[in-house]
Amino acid sequence: MSEEKRESTGWHLKKEIQVGHLISSVVMFVGAMLYVGDIKKDVEVLKAGAAAQAKTDERQDGATKEAVNLLREQLRAMDGKLDRLIEGGRR
């Protein structure tokens, strides 16, 4: 009786491989590899986009600096003209 009880409550491992388990494991492995490959491809695309964005940012920064300098020059010219008008009106 104690031997029957020990057999029914103990662990039992089969030494066989189920085809369904094998197929599902292979499918999961292939899916994981495809997923990782897709992530790597996305990272490469983002790296290329970051480089292009850096060039665009530099170009825009240069254009903004140029516009600000042009505006400063125009304001200085207007300031000089206003000073001459004010001095001319006082005489």
PDB file of N, CA and C in Angstrom:
ATOM      1  N   MET A   1       0.814  -1.195   0.000  1.00  0.00           N
ATOM      2  CA  MET A   1       0.000   0.000   0.000  1.00  0.00           C
ATOM      3  C   MET A   1       0.862   1.266   0.000  1.00  0.00           C
ATOM      4  N   SER A   2       1.902   1.258   0.802  1.00  0.00           N
ATOM      5  CA  SER A   2       2.761   2.432   0.851  1.00  0.00           C
ATOM      6  C   SER A   2       3.503   2.611  -0.472  1.00  0.00           C
ATOM      7  N   GLU A   3       3.810   1.531  -1.161  1.00  0.00           N
ATOM      8  CA  GLU A   3       4.481   1.632  -2.452  1.00  0.00           C
ATOM      9  C   GLU A   3       3.551   2.241  -3.501  1.00  0.00           C
ATOM     10  N   GLU A   4       2.274   1.893  -3.496  1.00  0.00           N
ATOM     11  CA  GLU A   4       1.297   2.490  -4.420  1.00  0.00           C
ATOM     12  C   GLU A   4       1.135   3.982  -4.148  1.00  0.00           C
ATOM     13  N   LYS A   5       1.116   4.343  -2.875  1.00  0.00           N
ATOM     14  CA  LYS A   5       0.967   5.749  -2.494  1.00  0.00           C
ATOM     15  C   LYS A   5       2.184   6.551  -2.962  1.00  0.00           C
ATOM     16  N   ARG A   6       3.371   5.988  -2.825  1.00  0.00           N
ATOM     17  CA  ARG A   6       4.593   6.658  -3.229  1.00  0.00           C
ATOM     18  C   ARG A   6       4.598   6.866  -4.749  1.00  0.00           C
ATOM     19  N   GLU A   7       4.130   5.917  -5.514  1.00  0.00           N
ATOM     20  CA  GLU A   7       4.091   6.029  -6.973  1.00  0.00           C
ATOM     21  C   GLU A   7       3.079   7.070  -7.425  1.00  0.00           C
ATOM     22  N   SER A   8       1.966   7.190  -6.770  1.00  0.00           N
ATOM     23  CA  SER A   8       0.936   8.124  -7.203  1.00  0.00           C
ATOM     24  C   SER A   8       1.262   9.569  -6.833  1.00  0.00           C
ATOM     25  N   THR A   9       2.039   9.795  -5.791  1.00  0.00           N
ATOM     26  CA  THR A   9       2.337  11.162  -5.370  1.00  0.00           C
ATOM     27  C   THR A   9       3.694  11.631  -5.857  1.00  0.00           C
ATOM     28  N   GLY A  10       4.548  10.801  -6.351  1.00  0.00           N
ATOM     29  CA  GLY A  10       5.887  11.187  -6.792  1.00  0.00           C
ATOM     30  C   GLY A  10       5.868  11.787  -8.200  1.00  0.00           C
ATOM     31  N   TRP A  11       6.963  12.427  -8.521  1.00  0.00           N
ATOM     32  CA  TRP A  11       7.114  13.016  -9.849  1.00  0.00           C
ATOM     33  C   TRP A  11       7.384  11.922 -10.858  1.00  0.00           C
ATOM     34  N   HIS A  12       6.910  12.184 -12.076  1.00  0.00           N
ATOM     35  CA  HIS A  12       7.145  11.214 -13.136  1.00  0.00           C
ATOM     36  C   HIS A  12       7.482  11.987 -14.411  1.00  0.00           C
ATOM     37  N   LEU A  13       8.617  11.735 -15.009  1.00  0.00           N
ATOM     38  CA  LEU A  13       9.023  12.382 -16.251  1.00  0.00           C
ATOM     39  C   LEU A  13       9.068  11.347 -17.355  1.00  0.00           C
ATOM     40  N   LYS A  14       8.449  11.695 -18.489  1.00  0.00           N
ATOM     41  CA  LYS A  14       8.494  10.802 -19.632  1.00  0.00           C
ATOM     42  C   LYS A  14       9.750  11.110 -20.435  1.00  0.00           C
ATOM     43  N   LYS A  15      10.347  10.103 -21.024  1.00  0.00           N
ATOM     44  CA  LYS A  15      11.552  10.283 -21.816  1.00  0.00           C
ATOM     45  C   LYS A  15      11.206  10.334 -23.299  1.00  0.00           C
ATOM     46  N   GLU A  16      10.172  11.043 -23.629  1.00  0.00           N
ATOM     47  CA  GLU A  16       9.769  11.164 -25.021  1.00  0.00           C
ATOM     48  C   GLU A  16       9.523  12.643 -25.328  1.00  0.00           C
ATOM     49  N   ILE A  17       9.647  12.990 -26.594  1.00  0.00           N
ATOM     50  CA  ILE A  17       9.443  14.369 -27.035  1.00  0.00           C
ATOM     51  C   ILE A  17       8.162  14.407 -27.860  1.00  0.00           C
ATOM     52  N   GLN A  18       7.273  15.281 -27.478  1.00  0.00           N
ATOM     53  CA  GLN A  18       6.028  15.441 -28.220  1.00  0.00           C
ATOM     54  C   GLN A  18       6.302  16.306 -29.462  1.00  0.00           C
ATOM     55  N   VAL A  19       5.744  15.912 -30.574  1.00  0.00           N
ATOM     56  CA  VAL A  19       5.941  16.646 -31.820  1.00  0.00           C
ATOM     57  C   VAL A  19       5.373  18.066 -31.701  1.00  0.00           C
ATOM     58  N   GLY A  20       4.258  18.208 -31.042  1.00  0.00           N
ATOM     59  CA  GLY A  20       3.644  19.531 -30.865  1.00  0.00           C
ATOM     60  C   GLY A  20       4.546  20.467 -30.077  1.00  0.00           C
ATOM     61  N   HIS A  21       5.184  19.949 -29.032  1.00  0.00           N
ATOM     62  CA  HIS A  21       6.105  20.766 -28.247  1.00  0.00           C
ATOM     63  C   HIS A  21       7.314  21.166 -29.073  1.00  0.00           C
ATOM     64  N   LEU A  22       7.818  20.240 -29.854  1.00  0.00           N
ATOM     65  CA  LEU A  22       8.975  20.508 -30.697  1.00  0.00           C
ATOM     66  C   LEU A  22       8.649  21.584 -31.728  1.00  0.00           C
ATOM     67  N   ILE A  23       7.513  21.457 -32.382  1.00  0.00           N
ATOM     68  CA  ILE A  23       7.110  22.432 -33.400  1.00  0.00           C
ATOM     69  C   ILE A  23       6.876  23.797 -32.767  1.00  0.00           C
ATOM     70  N   SER A  24       6.182  23.837 -31.646  1.00  0.00           N
ATOM     71  CA  SER A  24       5.921  25.128 -31.016  1.00  0.00           C
ATOM     72  C   SER A  24       7.218  25.786 -30.539  1.00  0.00           C
ATOM     73  N   SER A  25       8.170  25.012 -30.059  1.00  0.00           N
ATOM     74  CA  SER A  25       9.463  25.569 -29.635  1.00  0.00           C
ATOM     75  C   SER A  25      10.221  26.146 -30.821  1.00  0.00           C
ATOM     76  N   VAL A  26      10.219  25.441 -31.940  1.00  0.00           N
ATOM     77  CA  VAL A  26      10.897  25.929 -33.144  1.00  0.00           C
ATOM     78  C   VAL A  26      10.232  27.207 -33.648  1.00  0.00           C
ATOM     79  N   VAL A  27       8.911  27.229 -33.653  1.00  0.00           N
ATOM     80  CA  VAL A  27       8.184  28.420 -34.116  1.00  0.00           C
ATOM     81  C   VAL A  27       8.483  29.607 -33.205  1.00  0.00           C
ATOM     82  N   MET A  28       8.511  29.374 -31.901  1.00  0.00           N
ATOM     83  CA  MET A  28       8.818  30.462 -30.973  1.00  0.00           C
ATOM     84  C   MET A  28      10.241  30.967 -31.168  1.00  0.00           C
ATOM     85  N   PHE A  29      11.192  30.070 -31.387  1.00  0.00           N
ATOM     86  CA  PHE A  29      12.575  30.469 -31.608  1.00  0.00           C
ATOM     87  C   PHE A  29      12.717  31.288 -32.889  1.00  0.00           C
ATOM     88  N   VAL A  30      12.095  30.826 -33.958  1.00  0.00           N
ATOM     89  CA  VAL A  30      12.154  31.561 -35.228  1.00  0.00           C
ATOM     90  C   VAL A  30      11.495  32.935 -35.071  1.00  0.00           C
ATOM     91  N   GLY A  31      10.365  32.979 -34.398  1.00  0.00           N
ATOM     92  CA  GLY A  31       9.693  34.256 -34.172  1.00  0.00           C
ATOM     93  C   GLY A  31      10.544  35.212 -33.368  1.00  0.00           C
ATOM     94  N   ALA A  32      11.222  34.712 -32.345  1.00  0.00           N
ATOM     95  CA  ALA A  32      12.097  35.564 -31.528  1.00  0.00           C
ATOM     96  C   ALA A  32      13.258  36.098 -32.362  1.00  0.00           C
ATOM     97  N   MET A  33      13.831  35.270 -33.216  1.00  0.00           N
ATOM     98  CA  MET A  33      14.949  35.714 -34.053  1.00  0.00           C
ATOM     99  C   MET A  33      14.488  36.770 -35.060  1.00  0.00           C
ATOM    100  N   LEU A  34      13.318  36.582 -35.636  1.00  0.00           N
ATOM    101  CA  LEU A  34      12.790  37.579 -36.560  1.00  0.00           C
ATOM    102  C   LEU A  34      12.506  38.903 -35.840  1.00  0.00           C
ATOM    103  N   TYR A  35      11.999  38.815 -34.623  1.00  0.00           N
ATOM    104  CA  TYR A  35      11.705  40.001 -33.833  1.00  0.00           C
ATOM    105  C   TYR A  35      12.986  40.771 -33.512  1.00  0.00           C
ATOM    106  N   VAL A  36      14.024  40.072 -33.096  1.00  0.00           N
ATOM    107  CA  VAL A  36      15.300  40.717 -32.782  1.00  0.00           C
ATOM    108  C   VAL A  36      15.903  41.324 -34.050  1.00  0.00           C
ATOM    109  N   GLY A  37      15.809  40.625 -35.163  1.00  0.00           N
ATOM    110  CA  GLY A  37      16.317  41.156 -36.429  1.00  0.00           C
ATOM    111  C   GLY A  37      15.587  42.419 -36.838  1.00  0.00           C
ATOM    112  N   ASP A  38      14.286  42.454 -36.614  1.00  0.00           N
ATOM    113  CA  ASP A  38      13.494  43.633 -36.950  1.00  0.00           C
ATOM    114  C   ASP A  38      13.884  44.815 -36.061  1.00  0.00           C
ATOM    115  N   ILE A  39      14.146  44.548 -34.801  1.00  0.00           N
ATOM    116  CA  ILE A  39      14.571  45.617 -33.884  1.00  0.00           C
ATOM    117  C   ILE A  39      15.926  46.171 -34.332  1.00  0.00           C
ATOM    118  N   LYS A  40      16.841  45.289 -34.712  1.00  0.00           N
ATOM    119  CA  LYS A  40      18.152  45.747 -35.180  1.00  0.00           C
ATOM    120  C   LYS A  40      18.014  46.611 -36.426  1.00  0.00           C
ATOM    121  N   LYS A  41      17.123  46.215 -37.332  1.00  0.00           N
ATOM    122  CA  LYS A  41      16.915  46.995 -38.549  1.00  0.00           C
ATOM    123  C   LYS A  41      16.354  48.371 -38.205  1.00  0.00           C
ATOM    124  N   ASP A  42      15.414  48.430 -37.270  1.00  0.00           N
ATOM    125  CA  ASP A  42      14.835  49.706 -36.860  1.00  0.00           C
ATOM    126  C   ASP A  42      15.882  50.614 -36.218  1.00  0.00           C
ATOM    127  N   VAL A  43      16.781  50.033 -35.439  1.00  0.00           N
ATOM    128  CA  VAL A  43      17.841  50.823 -34.808  1.00  0.00           C
ATOM    129  C   VAL A  43      18.754  51.420 -35.872  1.00  0.00           C
ATOM    130  N   GLU A  44      19.082  50.660 -36.891  1.00  0.00           N
ATOM    131  CA  GLU A  44      19.942  51.169 -37.970  1.00  0.00           C
ATOM    132  C   GLU A  44      19.251  52.308 -38.716  1.00  0.00           C
ATOM    133  N   VAL A  45      17.969  52.163 -38.959  1.00  0.00           N
ATOM    134  CA  VAL A  45      17.219  53.233 -39.630  1.00  0.00           C
ATOM    135  C   VAL A  45      17.210  54.491 -38.774  1.00  0.00           C
ATOM    136  N   LEU A  46      17.031  54.333 -37.477  1.00  0.00           N
ATOM    137  CA  LEU A  46      17.037  55.489 -36.576  1.00  0.00           C
ATOM    138  C   LEU A  46      18.410  56.138 -36.515  1.00  0.00           C
ATOM    139  N   LYS A  47      19.474  55.356 -36.559  1.00  0.00           N
ATOM    140  CA  LYS A  47      20.824  55.924 -36.570  1.00  0.00           C
ATOM    141  C   LYS A  47      21.040  56.765 -37.820  1.00  0.00           C
ATOM    142  N   ALA A  48      20.615  56.252 -38.957  1.00  0.00           N
ATOM    143  CA  ALA A  48      20.761  56.996 -40.208  1.00  0.00           C
ATOM    144  C   ALA A  48      19.922  58.267 -40.162  1.00  0.00           C
ATOM    145  N   GLY A  49      18.730  58.171 -39.613  1.00  0.00           N
ATOM    146  CA  GLY A  49      17.874  59.350 -39.485  1.00  0.00           C
ATOM    147  C   GLY A  49      18.461  60.374 -38.541  1.00  0.00           C
ATOM    148  N   ALA A  50      19.125  59.925 -37.492  1.00  0.00           N
ATOM    149  CA  ALA A  50      19.738  60.855 -36.537  1.00  0.00           C
ATOM    150  C   ALA A  50      20.871  61.630 -37.201  1.00  0.00           C
ATOM    151  N   ALA A  51      21.640  60.962 -38.043  1.00  0.00           N
ATOM    152  CA  ALA A  51      22.722  61.644 -38.747  1.00  0.00           C
ATOM    153  C   ALA A  51      22.166  62.690 -39.709  1.00  0.00           C
ATOM    154  N   ALA A  52      21.139  62.326 -40.429  1.00  0.00           N
ATOM    155  CA  ALA A  52      20.512  63.281 -41.350  1.00  0.00           C
ATOM    156  C   ALA A  52      19.883  64.442 -40.588  1.00  0.00           C
ATOM    157  N   GLN A  53      19.276  64.157 -39.444  1.00  0.00           N
ATOM    158  CA  GLN A  53      18.671  65.208 -38.633  1.00  0.00           C
ATOM    159  C   GLN A  53      19.729  66.154 -38.087  1.00  0.00           C
ATOM    160  N   ALA A  54      20.897  65.632 -37.728  1.00  0.00           N
ATOM    161  CA  ALA A  54      21.980  66.485 -37.222  1.00  0.00           C
ATOM    162  C   ALA A  54      22.432  67.457 -38.301  1.00  0.00           C
ATOM    163  N   LYS A  55      22.539  66.983 -39.542  1.00  0.00           N
ATOM    164  CA  LYS A  55      22.917  67.873 -40.655  1.00  0.00           C
ATOM    165  C   LYS A  55      21.858  68.945 -40.868  1.00  0.00           C
ATOM    166  N   THR A  56      20.594  68.557 -40.803  1.00  0.00           N
ATOM    167  CA  THR A  56      19.508  69.521 -40.973  1.00  0.00           C
ATOM    168  C   THR A  56      19.529  70.549 -39.850  1.00  0.00           C
ATOM    169  N   ASP A  57      19.771  70.100 -38.629  1.00  0.00           N
ATOM    170  CA  ASP A  57      19.834  71.016 -37.488  1.00  0.00           C
ATOM    171  C   ASP A  57      20.969  72.022 -37.651  1.00  0.00           C
ATOM    172  N   GLU A  58      22.132  71.556 -38.087  1.00  0.00           N
ATOM    173  CA  GLU A  58      23.268  72.456 -38.299  1.00  0.00           C
ATOM    174  C   GLU A  58      22.937  73.492 -39.369  1.00  0.00           C
ATOM    175  N   ARG A  59      22.310  73.059 -40.445  1.00  0.00           N
ATOM    176  CA  ARG A  59      21.947  73.983 -41.523  1.00  0.00           C
ATOM    177  C   ARG A  59      20.942  75.019 -41.028  1.00  0.00           C
ATOM    178  N   GLN A  60      19.959  74.588 -40.254  1.00  0.00           N
ATOM    179  CA  GLN A  60      18.964  75.515 -39.720  1.00  0.00           C
ATOM    180  C   GLN A  60      19.585  76.475 -38.714  1.00  0.00           C
ATOM    181  N   ASP A  61      20.511  75.977 -37.890  1.00  0.00           N
ATOM    182  CA  ASP A  61      21.191  76.862 -36.943  1.00  0.00           C
ATOM    183  C   ASP A  61      21.986  77.936 -37.672  1.00  0.00           C
ATOM    184  N   GLY A  62      22.672  77.535 -38.730  1.00  0.00           N
ATOM    185  CA  GLY A  62      23.430  78.504 -39.525  1.00  0.00           C
ATOM    186  C   GLY A  62      22.523  79.546 -40.161  1.00  0.00           C
ATOM    187  N   ALA A  63      21.390  79.102 -40.696  1.00  0.00           N
ATOM    188  CA  ALA A  63      20.450  80.034 -41.324  1.00  0.00           C
ATOM    189  C   ALA A  63      19.868  80.994 -40.286  1.00  0.00           C
ATOM    190  N   THR A  64      19.587  80.493 -39.089  1.00  0.00           N
ATOM    191  CA  THR A  64      19.044  81.344 -38.030  1.00  0.00           C
ATOM    192  C   THR A  64      20.073  82.376 -37.592  1.00  0.00           C
ATOM    193  N   LYS A  65      21.319  81.968 -37.432  1.00  0.00           N
ATOM    194  CA  LYS A  65      22.375  82.913 -37.048  1.00  0.00           C
ATOM    195  C   LYS A  65      22.550  83.990 -38.109  1.00  0.00           C
ATOM    196  N   GLU A  66      22.498  83.573 -39.351  1.00  0.00           N
ATOM    197  CA  GLU A  66      22.641  84.534 -40.453  1.00  0.00           C
ATOM    198  C   GLU A  66      21.489  85.535 -40.446  1.00  0.00           C
ATOM    199  N   ALA A  67      20.272  85.059 -40.220  1.00  0.00           N
ATOM    200  CA  ALA A  67      19.112  85.953 -40.186  1.00  0.00           C
ATOM    201  C   ALA A  67      19.202  86.917 -39.005  1.00  0.00           C
ATOM    202  N   VAL A  68      19.653  86.430 -37.859  1.00  0.00           N
ATOM    203  CA  VAL A  68      19.790  87.297 -36.677  1.00  0.00           C
ATOM    204  C   VAL A  68      20.855  88.354 -36.928  1.00  0.00           C
ATOM    205  N   ASN A  69      21.967  87.975 -37.527  1.00  0.00           N
ATOM    206  CA  ASN A  69      23.019  88.951 -37.831  1.00  0.00           C
ATOM    207  C   ASN A  69      22.541  90.003 -38.821  1.00  0.00           C
ATOM    208  N   LEU A  70      21.793  89.583 -39.834  1.00  0.00           N
ATOM    209  CA  LEU A  70      21.237  90.525 -40.803  1.00  0.00           C
ATOM    210  C   LEU A  70      20.281  91.494 -40.118  1.00  0.00           C
ATOM    211  N   LEU A  71      19.453  90.998 -39.232  1.00  0.00           N
ATOM    212  CA  LEU A  71      18.513  91.836 -38.491  1.00  0.00           C
ATOM    213  C   LEU A  71      19.259  92.836 -37.613  1.00  0.00           C
ATOM    214  N   ARG A  72      20.327  92.390 -36.961  1.00  0.00           N
ATOM    215  CA  ARG A  72      21.136  93.301 -36.136  1.00  0.00           C
ATOM    216  C   ARG A  72      21.734  94.421 -36.983  1.00  0.00           C
ATOM    217  N   GLU A  73      22.258  94.049 -38.158  1.00  0.00           N
ATOM    218  CA  GLU A  73      22.835  95.061 -39.052  1.00  0.00           C
ATOM    219  C   GLU A  73      21.779  96.088 -39.465  1.00  0.00           C
ATOM    220  N   GLN A  74      20.581  95.613 -39.787  1.00  0.00           N
ATOM    221  CA  GLN A  74      19.511  96.521 -40.185  1.00  0.00           C
ATOM    222  C   GLN A  74      19.097  97.424 -39.028  1.00  0.00           C
ATOM    223  N   LEU A  75      19.044  96.871 -37.831  1.00  0.00           N
ATOM    224  CA  LEU A  75      18.686  97.685 -36.667  1.00  0.00           C
ATOM    225  C   LEU A  75      19.760  98.734 -36.377  1.00  0.00           C
ATOM    226  N   ARG A  76      21.016  98.369 -36.530  1.00  0.00           N
ATOM    227  CA  ARG A  76      22.104  99.344 -36.349  1.00  0.00           C
ATOM    228  C   ARG A  76      22.001 100.468 -37.377  1.00  0.00           C
ATOM    229  N   ALA A  77      21.698 100.100 -38.633  1.00  0.00           N
ATOM    230  CA  ALA A  77      21.551 101.118 -39.682  1.00  0.00           C
ATOM    231  C   ALA A  77      20.384 102.041 -39.364  1.00  0.00           C
ATOM    232  N   MET A  78      19.267 101.457 -38.899  1.00  0.00           N
ATOM    233  CA  MET A  78      18.105 102.279 -38.542  1.00  0.00           C
ATOM    234  C   MET A  78      18.422 103.169 -37.348  1.00  0.00           C
ATOM    235  N   ASP A  79      19.166 102.655 -36.393  1.00  0.00           N
ATOM    236  CA  ASP A  79      19.551 103.440 -35.223  1.00  0.00           C
ATOM    237  C   ASP A  79      20.395 104.641 -35.648  1.00  0.00           C
ATOM    238  N   GLY A  80      21.339 104.386 -36.564  1.00  0.00           N
ATOM    239  CA  GLY A  80      22.176 105.490 -37.061  1.00  0.00           C
ATOM    240  C   GLY A  80      21.348 106.533 -37.796  1.00  0.00           C
ATOM    241  N   LYS A  81      20.414 106.096 -38.604  1.00  0.00           N
ATOM    242  CA  LYS A  81      19.557 107.039 -39.339  1.00  0.00           C
ATOM    243  C   LYS A  81      18.688 107.848 -38.383  1.00  0.00           C
ATOM    244  N   LEU A  82      18.148 107.181 -37.365  1.00  0.00           N
ATOM    245  CA  LEU A  82      17.327 107.892 -36.375  1.00  0.00           C
ATOM    246  C   LEU A  82      18.166 108.919 -35.615  1.00  0.00           C
ATOM    247  N   ASP A  83      19.387 108.547 -35.269  1.00  0.00           N
ATOM    248  CA  ASP A  83      20.265 109.505 -34.588  1.00  0.00           C
ATOM    249  C   ASP A  83      20.521 110.727 -35.468  1.00  0.00           C
ATOM    250  N   ARG A  84      20.749 110.514 -36.758  1.00  0.00           N
ATOM    251  CA  ARG A  84      20.984 111.658 -37.678  1.00  0.00           C
ATOM    252  C   ARG A  84      19.734 112.503 -37.808  1.00  0.00           C
ATOM    253  N   LEU A  85      18.559 111.864 -37.861  1.00  0.00           N
ATOM    254  CA  LEU A  85      17.313 112.638 -37.950  1.00  0.00           C
ATOM    255  C   LEU A  85      17.081 113.463 -36.696  1.00  0.00           C
ATOM    256  N   ILE A  86      17.352 112.865 -35.558  1.00  0.00           N
ATOM    257  CA  ILE A  86      17.156 113.583 -34.290  1.00  0.00           C
ATOM    258  C   ILE A  86      18.138 114.755 -34.208  1.00  0.00           C
ATOM    259  N   GLU A  87      19.389 114.512 -34.549  1.00  0.00           N
ATOM    260  CA  GLU A  87      20.395 115.584 -34.521  1.00  0.00           C
ATOM    261  C   GLU A  87      20.062 116.657 -35.556  1.00  0.00           C
ATOM    262  N   GLY A  88      19.568 116.293 -36.709  1.00  0.00           N
ATOM    263  CA  GLY A  88      19.199 117.250 -37.741  1.00  0.00           C
ATOM    264  C   GLY A  88      18.006 118.088 -37.339  1.00  0.00           C
ATOM    265  N   GLY A  89      17.074 117.533 -36.573  1.00  0.00           N
ATOM    266  CA  GLY A  89      15.890 118.260 -36.129  1.00  0.00           C
ATOM    267  C   GLY A  89      16.197 119.248 -35.021  1.00  0.00           C
ATOM    268  N   ARG A  90      17.240 119.039 -34.265  1.00  0.00           N
ATOM    269  CA  ARG A  90      17.603 119.910 -33.169  1.00  0.00           C
ATOM    270  C   ARG A  90      18.315 121.164 -33.661  1.00  0.00           C
ATOM    271  N   ARG A  91      18.874 121.136 -34.800  1.00  0.00           N
ATOM    272  CA  ARG A  91      19.625 122.296 -35.300  1.00  0.00           C
ATOM    273  C   ARG A  91      18.732 123.315 -35.858  1.00  0.00           C
TER     274      ARG A  91
END
